[in-house]
Protein backbone atom coordinates (compact mmCIF):
# COMPACT_ATOMS: atom_id res chain seq x y z
CA MET A 1 18.63 -51.21 68.49
CA GLN A 2 19.65 -52.77 65.30
CA GLU A 3 21.33 -50.50 62.53
CA ASN A 4 18.40 -51.22 59.65
CA SER A 5 15.57 -50.47 62.85
CA LYS A 6 16.38 -47.00 63.21
CA LYS A 7 14.16 -44.61 62.00
CA CYS A 8 15.73 -42.18 59.07
CA LEU A 9 14.07 -39.92 56.94
CA LEU A 10 16.49 -40.42 53.43
CA ARG A 11 16.19 -38.58 50.55
CA THR A 12 16.50 -40.47 47.19
CA GLU A 13 17.77 -39.57 43.78
CA ASN A 14 14.22 -38.98 42.46
CA LYS A 15 12.27 -36.29 41.62
CA SER A 16 8.76 -36.35 41.76
CA PHE A 17 6.34 -33.49 39.87
CA PHE A 18 7.41 -29.81 40.54
CA ASP A 19 10.85 -30.79 40.97
CA LEU A 20 10.62 -31.82 44.57
CA SER A 21 12.88 -34.70 46.42
CA ILE A 22 11.29 -37.48 46.87
CA TYR A 23 12.41 -38.80 50.69
CA GLU A 24 11.85 -42.72 52.16
CA TYR A 25 11.11 -43.01 55.71
CA ILE A 26 9.88 -46.11 57.43
CA GLY A 27 9.38 -47.87 53.95
CA CYS A 28 7.01 -44.61 52.85
CA ILE A 29 7.89 -42.98 49.99
CA GLY A 30 6.72 -39.23 49.54
CA VAL A 31 7.21 -35.40 49.65
CA LEU A 32 7.97 -33.40 52.51
CA GLU A 33 5.49 -30.61 53.14
CA SER A 34 8.27 -28.34 53.95
CA ASP A 35 9.06 -28.29 50.12
CA ILE A 36 5.40 -28.28 49.11
CA LYS A 37 5.31 -24.78 51.03
CA LYS A 38 7.86 -23.32 48.84
CA LEU A 39 5.38 -23.82 46.01
CA ASN A 40 2.84 -21.06 44.79
CA LEU A 41 0.73 -23.70 44.93
CA TYR A 42 0.82 -24.55 48.47
CA ASN A 43 -2.64 -22.78 49.48
CA HIS A 44 -4.72 -24.68 47.55
CA TRP A 45 -2.72 -27.98 47.94
CA CYS A 46 -4.00 -27.35 51.72
CA LYS A 47 -7.74 -27.20 50.57
CA VAL A 48 -7.97 -29.66 48.51
CA SER A 49 -5.82 -32.13 49.86
CA ARG A 50 -7.70 -31.94 53.67
CA ALA A 51 -8.93 -35.52 53.31
CA SER A 52 -4.94 -36.79 52.77
CA THR A 53 -3.18 -38.70 55.26
CA MET A 54 0.39 -37.68 56.00
CA LEU A 55 3.25 -39.08 58.01
CA CYS A 56 4.66 -37.45 60.90
CA VAL A 57 8.64 -37.26 60.19
CA THR A 58 11.68 -35.51 62.38
CA HIS A 59 14.56 -34.67 60.52
CA ASP A 60 17.85 -35.04 61.96
CA SER A 61 17.87 -31.59 63.44
CA GLY A 62 14.99 -32.42 65.38
CA GLU A 63 12.32 -30.56 63.71
CA SER A 64 8.96 -32.08 62.59
CA ASP A 65 7.77 -32.62 59.14
CA ASN A 66 4.88 -34.09 57.59
CA LEU A 67 5.64 -36.78 54.51
CA VAL A 68 2.94 -36.36 52.05
CA TYR A 69 2.55 -39.76 50.27
CA LEU A 70 3.88 -40.05 46.48
CA TYR A 71 0.57 -41.24 45.60
CA ASP A 72 -1.15 -38.39 46.80
CA TRP A 73 0.95 -35.87 45.56
CA GLU A 74 1.11 -37.21 42.08
CA LYS A 75 -2.37 -37.56 42.13
CA PHE A 76 -2.99 -33.97 42.99
CA SER A 77 -0.08 -33.06 40.55
CA ARG A 78 -1.59 -34.51 37.64
CA ILE A 79 -4.91 -33.35 38.11
CA TYR A 80 -3.56 -29.68 38.58
CA ILE A 81 -1.56 -29.24 35.60
CA ASN A 82 -4.08 -30.90 33.38
CA THR A 83 -6.89 -28.69 35.28
CA GLY A 84 -5.56 -26.13 36.85
CA ASN A 85 -7.53 -27.24 40.25
C-alpha cells in the first residue's frame, strides 16, 4: 500500500465552534462526535441532527468514533448560538 493511501485520522490546527478540534479523514473534514459528547448541548444536538450524515472513523488506538461533517456542525452551531435551539 502506498503511504498516501493509508486511512489516517488527522487533527488539524484549526478549531470550530465551542473550541472543538477539526479533523481530516480520507479527504473529509469535521469534528468528532466524542468531542461533542463532552458539551452540555449534546442531547439537543442528537435530537436535531438525526438526519445528518456522519463518517465512521477509527482512531490509532482502534477505537471507533464518528466524524460529523464540518458543514453540518457549523450550521447547527450557528443556529444554536442565535436561537438557543
